[in-house]
Amino acid sequence: QPTQPTSSRWRRITKIAAVIALPVA
């Protein structure tokens, strides 16, 4: 992957986003 975020990362982020304070919404 490049230094910049990609849409493939988004799929992985949504699996673990619940552990952070910033809501996915």
PDBML (XML) file of the C-alpha atoms, coordinates in Angstrom:
<?xml version="1.0" encoding="UTF-8" ?>
<PDBx:datablock datablockName="MODEL"
   xmlns:PDBx="http://pdbml.pdb.org/schema/pdbx-v50.xsd"
   xmlns:xsi="http://www.w3.org/2001/XMLSchema-instance"
   xsi:schemaLocation="http://pdbml.pdb.org/schema/pdbx-v50.xsd pdbx-v50.xsd">
   <PDBx:atom_siteCategory>
      <PDBx:atom_site id="1">
         <PDBx:B_iso_or_equiv>0.00</PDBx:B_iso_or_equiv>
         <PDBx:Cartn_x>0.000</PDBx:Cartn_x>
         <PDBx:Cartn_y>0.000</PDBx:Cartn_y>
         <PDBx:Cartn_z>0.000</PDBx:Cartn_z>
         <PDBx:auth_asym_id>A</PDBx:auth_asym_id>
         <PDBx:auth_atom_id>CA</PDBx:auth_atom_id>
         <PDBx:auth_comp_id>GLN</PDBx:auth_comp_id>
         <PDBx:auth_seq_id>1</PDBx:auth_seq_id>
         <PDBx:group_PDB>ATOM</PDBx:group_PDB>
         <PDBx:label_alt_id xsi:nil="true" />
         <PDBx:label_asym_id>A</PDBx:label_asym_id>
         <PDBx:label_atom_id>CA</PDBx:label_atom_id>
         <PDBx:label_comp_id>GLN</PDBx:label_comp_id>
         <PDBx:label_entity_id>1</PDBx:label_entity_id>
         <PDBx:label_seq_id>1</PDBx:label_seq_id>
         <PDBx:occupancy>1.00</PDBx:occupancy>
         <PDBx:pdbx_PDB_model_num>1</PDBx:pdbx_PDB_model_num>
         <PDBx:type_symbol>C</PDBx:type_symbol>
      </PDBx:atom_site>
      <PDBx:atom_site id="2">
         <PDBx:B_iso_or_equiv>0.00</PDBx:B_iso_or_equiv>
         <PDBx:Cartn_x>1.063</PDBx:Cartn_x>
         <PDBx:Cartn_y>3.603</PDBx:Cartn_y>
         <PDBx:Cartn_z>-0.518</PDBx:Cartn_z>
         <PDBx:auth_asym_id>A</PDBx:auth_asym_id>
         <PDBx:auth_atom_id>CA</PDBx:auth_atom_id>
         <PDBx:auth_comp_id>PRO</PDBx:auth_comp_id>
         <PDBx:auth_seq_id>2</PDBx:auth_seq_id>
         <PDBx:group_PDB>ATOM</PDBx:group_PDB>
         <PDBx:label_alt_id xsi:nil="true" />
         <PDBx:label_asym_id>A</PDBx:label_asym_id>
         <PDBx:label_atom_id>CA</PDBx:label_atom_id>
         <PDBx:label_comp_id>PRO</PDBx:label_comp_id>
         <PDBx:label_entity_id>1</PDBx:label_entity_id>
         <PDBx:label_seq_id>2</PDBx:label_seq_id>
         <PDBx:occupancy>1.00</PDBx:occupancy>
         <PDBx:pdbx_PDB_model_num>1</PDBx:pdbx_PDB_model_num>
         <PDBx:type_symbol>C</PDBx:type_symbol>
      </PDBx:atom_site>
      <PDBx:atom_site id="3">
         <PDBx:B_iso_or_equiv>0.00</PDBx:B_iso_or_equiv>
         <PDBx:Cartn_x>1.561</PDBx:Cartn_x>
         <PDBx:Cartn_y>6.187</PDBx:Cartn_y>
         <PDBx:Cartn_z>2.188</PDBx:Cartn_z>
         <PDBx:auth_asym_id>A</PDBx:auth_asym_id>
         <PDBx:auth_atom_id>CA</PDBx:auth_atom_id>
         <PDBx:auth_comp_id>THR</PDBx:auth_comp_id>
         <PDBx:auth_seq_id>3</PDBx:auth_seq_id>
         <PDBx:group_PDB>ATOM</PDBx:group_PDB>
         <PDBx:label_alt_id xsi:nil="true" />
         <PDBx:label_asym_id>A</PDBx:label_asym_id>
         <PDBx:label_atom_id>CA</PDBx:label_atom_id>
         <PDBx:label_comp_id>THR</PDBx:label_comp_id>
         <PDBx:label_entity_id>1</PDBx:label_entity_id>
         <PDBx:label_seq_id>3</PDBx:label_seq_id>
         <PDBx:occupancy>1.00</PDBx:occupancy>
         <PDBx:pdbx_PDB_model_num>1</PDBx:pdbx_PDB_model_num>
         <PDBx:type_symbol>C</PDBx:type_symbol>
      </PDBx:atom_site>
      <PDBx:atom_site id="4">
         <PDBx:B_iso_or_equiv>0.00</PDBx:B_iso_or_equiv>
         <PDBx:Cartn_x>-1.826</PDBx:Cartn_x>
         <PDBx:Cartn_y>7.667</PDBx:Cartn_y>
         <PDBx:Cartn_z>1.361</PDBx:Cartn_z>
         <PDBx:auth_asym_id>A</PDBx:auth_asym_id>
         <PDBx:auth_atom_id>CA</PDBx:auth_atom_id>
         <PDBx:auth_comp_id>GLN</PDBx:auth_comp_id>
         <PDBx:auth_seq_id>4</PDBx:auth_seq_id>
         <PDBx:group_PDB>ATOM</PDBx:group_PDB>
         <PDBx:label_alt_id xsi:nil="true" />
         <PDBx:label_asym_id>A</PDBx:label_asym_id>
         <PDBx:label_atom_id>CA</PDBx:label_atom_id>
         <PDBx:label_comp_id>GLN</PDBx:label_comp_id>
         <PDBx:label_entity_id>1</PDBx:label_entity_id>
         <PDBx:label_seq_id>4</PDBx:label_seq_id>
         <PDBx:occupancy>1.00</PDBx:occupancy>
         <PDBx:pdbx_PDB_model_num>1</PDBx:pdbx_PDB_model_num>
         <PDBx:type_symbol>C</PDBx:type_symbol>
      </PDBx:atom_site>
      <PDBx:atom_site id="5">
         <PDBx:B_iso_or_equiv>0.00</PDBx:B_iso_or_equiv>
         <PDBx:Cartn_x>-4.972</PDBx:Cartn_x>
         <PDBx:Cartn_y>5.858</PDBx:Cartn_y>
         <PDBx:Cartn_z>2.633</PDBx:Cartn_z>
         <PDBx:auth_asym_id>A</PDBx:auth_asym_id>
         <PDBx:auth_atom_id>CA</PDBx:auth_atom_id>
         <PDBx:auth_comp_id>PRO</PDBx:auth_comp_id>
         <PDBx:auth_seq_id>5</PDBx:auth_seq_id>
         <PDBx:group_PDB>ATOM</PDBx:group_PDB>
         <PDBx:label_alt_id xsi:nil="true" />
         <PDBx:label_asym_id>A</PDBx:label_asym_id>
         <PDBx:label_atom_id>CA</PDBx:label_atom_id>
         <PDBx:label_comp_id>PRO</PDBx:label_comp_id>
         <PDBx:label_entity_id>1</PDBx:label_entity_id>
         <PDBx:label_seq_id>5</PDBx:label_seq_id>
         <PDBx:occupancy>1.00</PDBx:occupancy>
         <PDBx:pdbx_PDB_model_num>1</PDBx:pdbx_PDB_model_num>
         <PDBx:type_symbol>C</PDBx:type_symbol>
      </PDBx:atom_site>
      <PDBx:atom_site id="6">
         <PDBx:B_iso_or_equiv>0.00</PDBx:B_iso_or_equiv>
         <PDBx:Cartn_x>-6.826</PDBx:Cartn_x>
         <PDBx:Cartn_y>3.718</PDBx:Cartn_y>
         <PDBx:Cartn_z>0.089</PDBx:Cartn_z>
         <PDBx:auth_asym_id>A</PDBx:auth_asym_id>
         <PDBx:auth_atom_id>CA</PDBx:auth_atom_id>
         <PDBx:auth_comp_id>THR</PDBx:auth_comp_id>
         <PDBx:auth_seq_id>6</PDBx:auth_seq_id>
         <PDBx:group_PDB>ATOM</PDBx:group_PDB>
         <PDBx:label_alt_id xsi:nil="true" />
         <PDBx:label_asym_id>A</PDBx:label_asym_id>
         <PDBx:label_atom_id>CA</PDBx:label_atom_id>
         <PDBx:label_comp_id>THR</PDBx:label_comp_id>
         <PDBx:label_entity_id>1</PDBx:label_entity_id>
         <PDBx:label_seq_id>6</PDBx:label_seq_id>
         <PDBx:occupancy>1.00</PDBx:occupancy>
         <PDBx:pdbx_PDB_model_num>1</PDBx:pdbx_PDB_model_num>
         <PDBx:type_symbol>C</PDBx:type_symbol>
      </PDBx:atom_site>
      <PDBx:atom_site id="7">
         <PDBx:B_iso_or_equiv>0.00</PDBx:B_iso_or_equiv>
         <PDBx:Cartn_x>-10.372</PDBx:Cartn_x>
         <PDBx:Cartn_y>2.445</PDBx:Cartn_y>
         <PDBx:Cartn_z>-0.134</PDBx:Cartn_z>
         <PDBx:auth_asym_id>A</PDBx:auth_asym_id>
         <PDBx:auth_atom_id>CA</PDBx:auth_atom_id>
         <PDBx:auth_comp_id>SER</PDBx:auth_comp_id>
         <PDBx:auth_seq_id>7</PDBx:auth_seq_id>
         <PDBx:group_PDB>ATOM</PDBx:group_PDB>
         <PDBx:label_alt_id xsi:nil="true" />
         <PDBx:label_asym_id>A</PDBx:label_asym_id>
         <PDBx:label_atom_id>CA</PDBx:label_atom_id>
         <PDBx:label_comp_id>SER</PDBx:label_comp_id>
         <PDBx:label_entity_id>1</PDBx:label_entity_id>
         <PDBx:label_seq_id>7</PDBx:label_seq_id>
         <PDBx:occupancy>1.00</PDBx:occupancy>
         <PDBx:pdbx_PDB_model_num>1</PDBx:pdbx_PDB_model_num>
         <PDBx:type_symbol>C</PDBx:type_symbol>
      </PDBx:atom_site>
      <PDBx:atom_site id="8">
         <PDBx:B_iso_or_equiv>0.00</PDBx:B_iso_or_equiv>
         <PDBx:Cartn_x>-9.159</PDBx:Cartn_x>
         <PDBx:Cartn_y>-1.077</PDBx:Cartn_y>
         <PDBx:Cartn_z>0.673</PDBx:Cartn_z>
         <PDBx:auth_asym_id>A</PDBx:auth_asym_id>
         <PDBx:auth_atom_id>CA</PDBx:auth_atom_id>
         <PDBx:auth_comp_id>SER</PDBx:auth_comp_id>
         <PDBx:auth_seq_id>8</PDBx:auth_seq_id>
         <PDBx:group_PDB>ATOM</PDBx:group_PDB>
         <PDBx:label_alt_id xsi:nil="true" />
         <PDBx:label_asym_id>A</PDBx:label_asym_id>
         <PDBx:label_atom_id>CA</PDBx:label_atom_id>
         <PDBx:label_comp_id>SER</PDBx:label_comp_id>
         <PDBx:label_entity_id>1</PDBx:label_entity_id>
         <PDBx:label_seq_id>8</PDBx:label_seq_id>
         <PDBx:occupancy>1.00</PDBx:occupancy>
         <PDBx:pdbx_PDB_model_num>1</PDBx:pdbx_PDB_model_num>
         <PDBx:type_symbol>C</PDBx:type_symbol>
      </PDBx:atom_site>
      <PDBx:atom_site id="9">
         <PDBx:B_iso_or_equiv>0.00</PDBx:B_iso_or_equiv>
         <PDBx:Cartn_x>-8.117</PDBx:Cartn_x>
         <PDBx:Cartn_y>0.214</PDBx:Cartn_y>
         <PDBx:Cartn_z>4.064</PDBx:Cartn_z>
         <PDBx:auth_asym_id>A</PDBx:auth_asym_id>
         <PDBx:auth_atom_id>CA</PDBx:auth_atom_id>
         <PDBx:auth_comp_id>ARG</PDBx:auth_comp_id>
         <PDBx:auth_seq_id>9</PDBx:auth_seq_id>
         <PDBx:group_PDB>ATOM</PDBx:group_PDB>
         <PDBx:label_alt_id xsi:nil="true" />
         <PDBx:label_asym_id>A</PDBx:label_asym_id>
         <PDBx:label_atom_id>CA</PDBx:label_atom_id>
         <PDBx:label_comp_id>ARG</PDBx:label_comp_id>
         <PDBx:label_entity_id>1</PDBx:label_entity_id>
         <PDBx:label_seq_id>9</PDBx:label_seq_id>
         <PDBx:occupancy>1.00</PDBx:occupancy>
         <PDBx:pdbx_PDB_model_num>1</PDBx:pdbx_PDB_model_num>
         <PDBx:type_symbol>C</PDBx:type_symbol>
      </PDBx:atom_site>
      <PDBx:atom_site id="10">
         <PDBx:B_iso_or_equiv>0.00</PDBx:B_iso_or_equiv>
         <PDBx:Cartn_x>-11.646</PDBx:Cartn_x>
         <PDBx:Cartn_y>1.429</PDBx:Cartn_y>
         <PDBx:Cartn_z>4.663</PDBx:Cartn_z>
         <PDBx:auth_asym_id>A</PDBx:auth_asym_id>
         <PDBx:auth_atom_id>CA</PDBx:auth_atom_id>
         <PDBx:auth_comp_id>TRP</PDBx:auth_comp_id>
         <PDBx:auth_seq_id>10</PDBx:auth_seq_id>
         <PDBx:group_PDB>ATOM</PDBx:group_PDB>
         <PDBx:label_alt_id xsi:nil="true" />
         <PDBx:label_asym_id>A</PDBx:label_asym_id>
         <PDBx:label_atom_id>CA</PDBx:label_atom_id>
         <PDBx:label_comp_id>TRP</PDBx:label_comp_id>
         <PDBx:label_entity_id>1</PDBx:label_entity_id>
         <PDBx:label_seq_id>10</PDBx:label_seq_id>
         <PDBx:occupancy>1.00</PDBx:occupancy>
         <PDBx:pdbx_PDB_model_num>1</PDBx:pdbx_PDB_model_num>
         <PDBx:type_symbol>C</PDBx:type_symbol>
      </PDBx:atom_site>
      <PDBx:atom_site id="11">
         <PDBx:B_iso_or_equiv>0.00</PDBx:B_iso_or_equiv>
         <PDBx:Cartn_x>-12.950</PDBx:Cartn_x>
         <PDBx:Cartn_y>-2.132</PDBx:Cartn_y>
         <PDBx:Cartn_z>4.578</PDBx:Cartn_z>
         <PDBx:auth_asym_id>A</PDBx:auth_asym_id>
         <PDBx:auth_atom_id>CA</PDBx:auth_atom_id>
         <PDBx:auth_comp_id>ARG</PDBx:auth_comp_id>
         <PDBx:auth_seq_id>11</PDBx:auth_seq_id>
         <PDBx:group_PDB>ATOM</PDBx:group_PDB>
         <PDBx:label_alt_id xsi:nil="true" />
         <PDBx:label_asym_id>A</PDBx:label_asym_id>
         <PDBx:label_atom_id>CA</PDBx:label_atom_id>
         <PDBx:label_comp_id>ARG</PDBx:label_comp_id>
         <PDBx:label_entity_id>1</PDBx:label_entity_id>
         <PDBx:label_seq_id>11</PDBx:label_seq_id>
         <PDBx:occupancy>1.00</PDBx:occupancy>
         <PDBx:pdbx_PDB_model_num>1</PDBx:pdbx_PDB_model_num>
         <PDBx:type_symbol>C</PDBx:type_symbol>
      </PDBx:atom_site>
      <PDBx:atom_site id="12">
         <PDBx:B_iso_or_equiv>0.00</PDBx:B_iso_or_equiv>
         <PDBx:Cartn_x>-10.471</PDBx:Cartn_x>
         <PDBx:Cartn_y>-3.096</PDBx:Cartn_y>
         <PDBx:Cartn_z>7.304</PDBx:Cartn_z>
         <PDBx:auth_asym_id>A</PDBx:auth_asym_id>
         <PDBx:auth_atom_id>CA</PDBx:auth_atom_id>
         <PDBx:auth_comp_id>ARG</PDBx:auth_comp_id>
         <PDBx:auth_seq_id>12</PDBx:auth_seq_id>
         <PDBx:group_PDB>ATOM</PDBx:group_PDB>
         <PDBx:label_alt_id xsi:nil="true" />
         <PDBx:label_asym_id>A</PDBx:label_asym_id>
         <PDBx:label_atom_id>CA</PDBx:label_atom_id>
         <PDBx:label_comp_id>ARG</PDBx:label_comp_id>
         <PDBx:label_entity_id>1</PDBx:label_entity_id>
         <PDBx:label_seq_id>12</PDBx:label_seq_id>
         <PDBx:occupancy>1.00</PDBx:occupancy>
         <PDBx:pdbx_PDB_model_num>1</PDBx:pdbx_PDB_model_num>
         <PDBx:type_symbol>C</PDBx:type_symbol>
      </PDBx:atom_site>
      <PDBx:atom_site id="13">
         <PDBx:B_iso_or_equiv>0.00</PDBx:B_iso_or_equiv>
         <PDBx:Cartn_x>-11.078</PDBx:Cartn_x>
         <PDBx:Cartn_y>0.034</PDBx:Cartn_y>
         <PDBx:Cartn_z>9.375</PDBx:Cartn_z>
         <PDBx:auth_asym_id>A</PDBx:auth_asym_id>
         <PDBx:auth_atom_id>CA</PDBx:auth_atom_id>
         <PDBx:auth_comp_id>ILE</PDBx:auth_comp_id>
         <PDBx:auth_seq_id>13</PDBx:auth_seq_id>
         <PDBx:group_PDB>ATOM</PDBx:group_PDB>
         <PDBx:label_alt_id xsi:nil="true" />
         <PDBx:label_asym_id>A</PDBx:label_asym_id>
         <PDBx:label_atom_id>CA</PDBx:label_atom_id>
         <PDBx:label_comp_id>ILE</PDBx:label_comp_id>
         <PDBx:label_entity_id>1</PDBx:label_entity_id>
         <PDBx:label_seq_id>13</PDBx:label_seq_id>
         <PDBx:occupancy>1.00</PDBx:occupancy>
         <PDBx:pdbx_PDB_model_num>1</PDBx:pdbx_PDB_model_num>
         <PDBx:type_symbol>C</PDBx:type_symbol>
      </PDBx:atom_site>
      <PDBx:atom_site id="14">
         <PDBx:B_iso_or_equiv>0.00</PDBx:B_iso_or_equiv>
         <PDBx:Cartn_x>-14.793</PDBx:Cartn_x>
         <PDBx:Cartn_y>-0.698</PDBx:Cartn_y>
         <PDBx:Cartn_z>9.687</PDBx:Cartn_z>
         <PDBx:auth_asym_id>A</PDBx:auth_asym_id>
         <PDBx:auth_atom_id>CA</PDBx:auth_atom_id>
         <PDBx:auth_comp_id>THR</PDBx:auth_comp_id>
         <PDBx:auth_seq_id>14</PDBx:auth_seq_id>
         <PDBx:group_PDB>ATOM</PDBx:group_PDB>
         <PDBx:label_alt_id xsi:nil="true" />
         <PDBx:label_asym_id>A</PDBx:label_asym_id>
         <PDBx:label_atom_id>CA</PDBx:label_atom_id>
         <PDBx:label_comp_id>THR</PDBx:label_comp_id>
         <PDBx:label_entity_id>1</PDBx:label_entity_id>
         <PDBx:label_seq_id>14</PDBx:label_seq_id>
         <PDBx:occupancy>1.00</PDBx:occupancy>
         <PDBx:pdbx_PDB_model_num>1</PDBx:pdbx_PDB_model_num>
         <PDBx:type_symbol>C</PDBx:type_symbol>
      </PDBx:atom_site>
      <PDBx:atom_site id="15">
         <PDBx:B_iso_or_equiv>0.00</PDBx:B_iso_or_equiv>
         <PDBx:Cartn_x>-13.997</PDBx:Cartn_x>
         <PDBx:Cartn_y>-4.056</PDBx:Cartn_y>
         <PDBx:Cartn_z>11.336</PDBx:Cartn_z>
         <PDBx:auth_asym_id>A</PDBx:auth_asym_id>
         <PDBx:auth_atom_id>CA</PDBx:auth_atom_id>
         <PDBx:auth_comp_id>LYS</PDBx:auth_comp_id>
         <PDBx:auth_seq_id>15</PDBx:auth_seq_id>
         <PDBx:group_PDB>ATOM</PDBx:group_PDB>
         <PDBx:label_alt_id xsi:nil="true" />
         <PDBx:label_asym_id>A</PDBx:label_asym_id>
         <PDBx:label_atom_id>CA</PDBx:label_atom_id>
         <PDBx:label_comp_id>LYS</PDBx:label_comp_id>
         <PDBx:label_entity_id>1</PDBx:label_entity_id>
         <PDBx:label_seq_id>15</PDBx:label_seq_id>
         <PDBx:occupancy>1.00</PDBx:occupancy>
         <PDBx:pdbx_PDB_model_num>1</PDBx:pdbx_PDB_model_num>
         <PDBx:type_symbol>C</PDBx:type_symbol>
      </PDBx:atom_site>
      <PDBx:atom_site id="16">
         <PDBx:B_iso_or_equiv>0.00</PDBx:B_iso_or_equiv>
         <PDBx:Cartn_x>-12.308</PDBx:Cartn_x>
         <PDBx:Cartn_y>-2.384</PDBx:Cartn_y>
         <PDBx:Cartn_z>14.307</PDBx:Cartn_z>
         <PDBx:auth_asym_id>A</PDBx:auth_asym_id>
         <PDBx:auth_atom_id>CA</PDBx:auth_atom_id>
         <PDBx:auth_comp_id>ILE</PDBx:auth_comp_id>
         <PDBx:auth_seq_id>16</PDBx:auth_seq_id>
         <PDBx:group_PDB>ATOM</PDBx:group_PDB>
         <PDBx:label_alt_id xsi:nil="true" />
         <PDBx:label_asym_id>A</PDBx:label_asym_id>
         <PDBx:label_atom_id>CA</PDBx:label_atom_id>
         <PDBx:label_comp_id>ILE</PDBx:label_comp_id>
         <PDBx:label_entity_id>1</PDBx:label_entity_id>
         <PDBx:label_seq_id>16</PDBx:label_seq_id>
         <PDBx:occupancy>1.00</PDBx:occupancy>
         <PDBx:pdbx_PDB_model_num>1</PDBx:pdbx_PDB_model_num>
         <PDBx:type_symbol>C</PDBx:type_symbol>
      </PDBx:atom_site>
      <PDBx:atom_site id="17">
         <PDBx:B_iso_or_equiv>0.00</PDBx:B_iso_or_equiv>
         <PDBx:Cartn_x>-13.639</PDBx:Cartn_x>
         <PDBx:Cartn_y>1.154</PDBx:Cartn_y>
         <PDBx:Cartn_z>14.391</PDBx:Cartn_z>
         <PDBx:auth_asym_id>A</PDBx:auth_asym_id>
         <PDBx:auth_atom_id>CA</PDBx:auth_atom_id>
         <PDBx:auth_comp_id>ALA</PDBx:auth_comp_id>
         <PDBx:auth_seq_id>17</PDBx:auth_seq_id>
         <PDBx:group_PDB>ATOM</PDBx:group_PDB>
         <PDBx:label_alt_id xsi:nil="true" />
         <PDBx:label_asym_id>A</PDBx:label_asym_id>
         <PDBx:label_atom_id>CA</PDBx:label_atom_id>
         <PDBx:label_comp_id>ALA</PDBx:label_comp_id>
         <PDBx:label_entity_id>1</PDBx:label_entity_id>
         <PDBx:label_seq_id>17</PDBx:label_seq_id>
         <PDBx:occupancy>1.00</PDBx:occupancy>
         <PDBx:pdbx_PDB_model_num>1</PDBx:pdbx_PDB_model_num>
         <PDBx:type_symbol>C</PDBx:type_symbol>
      </PDBx:atom_site>
      <PDBx:atom_site id="18">
         <PDBx:B_iso_or_equiv>0.00</PDBx:B_iso_or_equiv>
         <PDBx:Cartn_x>-15.830</PDBx:Cartn_x>
         <PDBx:Cartn_y>0.371</PDBx:Cartn_y>
         <PDBx:Cartn_z>17.401</PDBx:Cartn_z>
         <PDBx:auth_asym_id>A</PDBx:auth_asym_id>
         <PDBx:auth_atom_id>CA</PDBx:auth_atom_id>
         <PDBx:auth_comp_id>ALA</PDBx:auth_comp_id>
         <PDBx:auth_seq_id>18</PDBx:auth_seq_id>
         <PDBx:group_PDB>ATOM</PDBx:group_PDB>
         <PDBx:label_alt_id xsi:nil="true" />
         <PDBx:label_asym_id>A</PDBx:label_asym_id>
         <PDBx:label_atom_id>CA</PDBx:label_atom_id>
         <PDBx:label_comp_id>ALA</PDBx:label_comp_id>
         <PDBx:label_entity_id>1</PDBx:label_entity_id>
         <PDBx:label_seq_id>18</PDBx:label_seq_id>
         <PDBx:occupancy>1.00</PDBx:occupancy>
         <PDBx:pdbx_PDB_model_num>1</PDBx:pdbx_PDB_model_num>
         <PDBx:type_symbol>C</PDBx:type_symbol>
      </PDBx:atom_site>
      <PDBx:atom_site id="19">
         <PDBx:B_iso_or_equiv>0.00</PDBx:B_iso_or_equiv>
         <PDBx:Cartn_x>-12.824</PDBx:Cartn_x>
         <PDBx:Cartn_y>0.500</PDBx:Cartn_y>
         <PDBx:Cartn_z>19.712</PDBx:Cartn_z>
         <PDBx:auth_asym_id>A</PDBx:auth_asym_id>
         <PDBx:auth_atom_id>CA</PDBx:auth_atom_id>
         <PDBx:auth_comp_id>VAL</PDBx:auth_comp_id>
         <PDBx:auth_seq_id>19</PDBx:auth_seq_id>
         <PDBx:group_PDB>ATOM</PDBx:group_PDB>
         <PDBx:label_alt_id xsi:nil="true" />
         <PDBx:label_asym_id>A</PDBx:label_asym_id>
         <PDBx:label_atom_id>CA</PDBx:label_atom_id>
         <PDBx:label_comp_id>VAL</PDBx:label_comp_id>
         <PDBx:label_entity_id>1</PDBx:label_entity_id>
         <PDBx:label_seq_id>19</PDBx:label_seq_id>
         <PDBx:occupancy>1.00</PDBx:occupancy>
         <PDBx:pdbx_PDB_model_num>1</PDBx:pdbx_PDB_model_num>
         <PDBx:type_symbol>C</PDBx:type_symbol>
      </PDBx:atom_site>
      <PDBx:atom_site id="20">
         <PDBx:B_iso_or_equiv>0.00</PDBx:B_iso_or_equiv>
         <PDBx:Cartn_x>-12.229</PDBx:Cartn_x>
         <PDBx:Cartn_y>4.204</PDBx:Cartn_y>
         <PDBx:Cartn_z>19.154</PDBx:Cartn_z>
         <PDBx:auth_asym_id>A</PDBx:auth_asym_id>
         <PDBx:auth_atom_id>CA</PDBx:auth_atom_id>
         <PDBx:auth_comp_id>ILE</PDBx:auth_comp_id>
         <PDBx:auth_seq_id>20</PDBx:auth_seq_id>
         <PDBx:group_PDB>ATOM</PDBx:group_PDB>
         <PDBx:label_alt_id xsi:nil="true" />
         <PDBx:label_asym_id>A</PDBx:label_asym_id>
         <PDBx:label_atom_id>CA</PDBx:label_atom_id>
         <PDBx:label_comp_id>ILE</PDBx:label_comp_id>
         <PDBx:label_entity_id>1</PDBx:label_entity_id>
         <PDBx:label_seq_id>20</PDBx:label_seq_id>
         <PDBx:occupancy>1.00</PDBx:occupancy>
         <PDBx:pdbx_PDB_model_num>1</PDBx:pdbx_PDB_model_num>
         <PDBx:type_symbol>C</PDBx:type_symbol>
      </PDBx:atom_site>
      <PDBx:atom_site id="21">
         <PDBx:B_iso_or_equiv>0.00</PDBx:B_iso_or_equiv>
         <PDBx:Cartn_x>-14.119</PDBx:Cartn_x>
         <PDBx:Cartn_y>7.188</PDBx:Cartn_y>
         <PDBx:Cartn_z>20.458</PDBx:Cartn_z>
         <PDBx:auth_asym_id>A</PDBx:auth_asym_id>
         <PDBx:auth_atom_id>CA</PDBx:auth_atom_id>
         <PDBx:auth_comp_id>ALA</PDBx:auth_comp_id>
         <PDBx:auth_seq_id>21</PDBx:auth_seq_id>
         <PDBx:group_PDB>ATOM</PDBx:group_PDB>
         <PDBx:label_alt_id xsi:nil="true" />
         <PDBx:label_asym_id>A</PDBx:label_asym_id>
         <PDBx:label_atom_id>CA</PDBx:label_atom_id>
         <PDBx:label_comp_id>ALA</PDBx:label_comp_id>
         <PDBx:label_entity_id>1</PDBx:label_entity_id>
         <PDBx:label_seq_id>21</PDBx:label_seq_id>
         <PDBx:occupancy>1.00</PDBx:occupancy>
         <PDBx:pdbx_PDB_model_num>1</PDBx:pdbx_PDB_model_num>
         <PDBx:type_symbol>C</PDBx:type_symbol>
      </PDBx:atom_site>
      <PDBx:atom_site id="22">
         <PDBx:B_iso_or_equiv>0.00</PDBx:B_iso_or_equiv>
         <PDBx:Cartn_x>-14.813</PDBx:Cartn_x>
         <PDBx:Cartn_y>8.701</PDBx:Cartn_y>
         <PDBx:Cartn_z>17.036</PDBx:Cartn_z>
         <PDBx:auth_asym_id>A</PDBx:auth_asym_id>
         <PDBx:auth_atom_id>CA</PDBx:auth_atom_id>
         <PDBx:auth_comp_id>LEU</PDBx:auth_comp_id>
         <PDBx:auth_seq_id>22</PDBx:auth_seq_id>
         <PDBx:group_PDB>ATOM</PDBx:group_PDB>
         <PDBx:label_alt_id xsi:nil="true" />
         <PDBx:label_asym_id>A</PDBx:label_asym_id>
         <PDBx:label_atom_id>CA</PDBx:label_atom_id>
         <PDBx:label_comp_id>LEU</PDBx:label_comp_id>
         <PDBx:label_entity_id>1</PDBx:label_entity_id>
         <PDBx:label_seq_id>22</PDBx:label_seq_id>
         <PDBx:occupancy>1.00</PDBx:occupancy>
         <PDBx:pdbx_PDB_model_num>1</PDBx:pdbx_PDB_model_num>
         <PDBx:type_symbol>C</PDBx:type_symbol>
      </PDBx:atom_site>
      <PDBx:atom_site id="23">
         <PDBx:B_iso_or_equiv>0.00</PDBx:B_iso_or_equiv>
         <PDBx:Cartn_x>-18.111</PDBx:Cartn_x>
         <PDBx:Cartn_y>7.216</PDBx:Cartn_y>
         <PDBx:Cartn_z>15.844</PDBx:Cartn_z>
         <PDBx:auth_asym_id>A</PDBx:auth_asym_id>
         <PDBx:auth_atom_id>CA</PDBx:auth_atom_id>
         <PDBx:auth_comp_id>PRO</PDBx:auth_comp_id>
         <PDBx:auth_seq_id>23</PDBx:auth_seq_id>
         <PDBx:group_PDB>ATOM</PDBx:group_PDB>
         <PDBx:label_alt_id xsi:nil="true" />
         <PDBx:label_asym_id>A</PDBx:label_asym_id>
         <PDBx:label_atom_id>CA</PDBx:label_atom_id>
         <PDBx:label_comp_id>PRO</PDBx:label_comp_id>
         <PDBx:label_entity_id>1</PDBx:label_entity_id>
         <PDBx:label_seq_id>23</PDBx:label_seq_id>
         <PDBx:occupancy>1.00</PDBx:occupancy>
         <PDBx:pdbx_PDB_model_num>1</PDBx:pdbx_PDB_model_num>
         <PDBx:type_symbol>C</PDBx:type_symbol>
      </PDBx:atom_site>
      <PDBx:atom_site id="24">
         <PDBx:B_iso_or_equiv>0.00</PDBx:B_iso_or_equiv>
         <PDBx:Cartn_x>-18.235</PDBx:Cartn_x>
         <PDBx:Cartn_y>5.595</PDBx:Cartn_y>
         <PDBx:Cartn_z>12.463</PDBx:Cartn_z>
         <PDBx:auth_asym_id>A</PDBx:auth_asym_id>
         <PDBx:auth_atom_id>CA</PDBx:auth_atom_id>
         <PDBx:auth_comp_id>VAL</PDBx:auth_comp_id>
         <PDBx:auth_seq_id>24</PDBx:auth_seq_id>
         <PDBx:group_PDB>ATOM</PDBx:group_PDB>
         <PDBx:label_alt_id xsi:nil="true" />
         <PDBx:label_asym_id>A</PDBx:label_asym_id>
         <PDBx:label_atom_id>CA</PDBx:label_atom_id>
         <PDBx:label_comp_id>VAL</PDBx:label_comp_id>
         <PDBx:label_entity_id>1</PDBx:label_entity_id>
         <PDBx:label_seq_id>24</PDBx:label_seq_id>
         <PDBx:occupancy>1.00</PDBx:occupancy>
         <PDBx:pdbx_PDB_model_num>1</PDBx:pdbx_PDB_model_num>
         <PDBx:type_symbol>C</PDBx:type_symbol>
      </PDBx:atom_site>
      <PDBx:atom_site id="25">
         <PDBx:B_iso_or_equiv>0.00</PDBx:B_iso_or_equiv>
         <PDBx:Cartn_x>-21.324</PDBx:Cartn_x>
         <PDBx:Cartn_y>7.684</PDBx:Cartn_y>
         <PDBx:Cartn_z>11.745</PDBx:Cartn_z>
         <PDBx:auth_asym_id>A</PDBx:auth_asym_id>
         <PDBx:auth_atom_id>CA</PDBx:auth_atom_id>
         <PDBx:auth_comp_id>ALA</PDBx:auth_comp_id>
         <PDBx:auth_seq_id>25</PDBx:auth_seq_id>
         <PDBx:group_PDB>ATOM</PDBx:group_PDB>
         <PDBx:label_alt_id xsi:nil="true" />
         <PDBx:label_asym_id>A</PDBx:label_asym_id>
         <PDBx:label_atom_id>CA</PDBx:label_atom_id>
         <PDBx:label_comp_id>ALA</PDBx:label_comp_id>
         <PDBx:label_entity_id>1</PDBx:label_entity_id>
         <PDBx:label_seq_id>25</PDBx:label_seq_id>
         <PDBx:occupancy>1.00</PDBx:occupancy>
         <PDBx:pdbx_PDB_model_num>1</PDBx:pdbx_PDB_model_num>
         <PDBx:type_symbol>C</PDBx:type_symbol>
      </PDBx:atom_site>
   </PDBx:atom_siteCategory>
</PDBx:datablock>
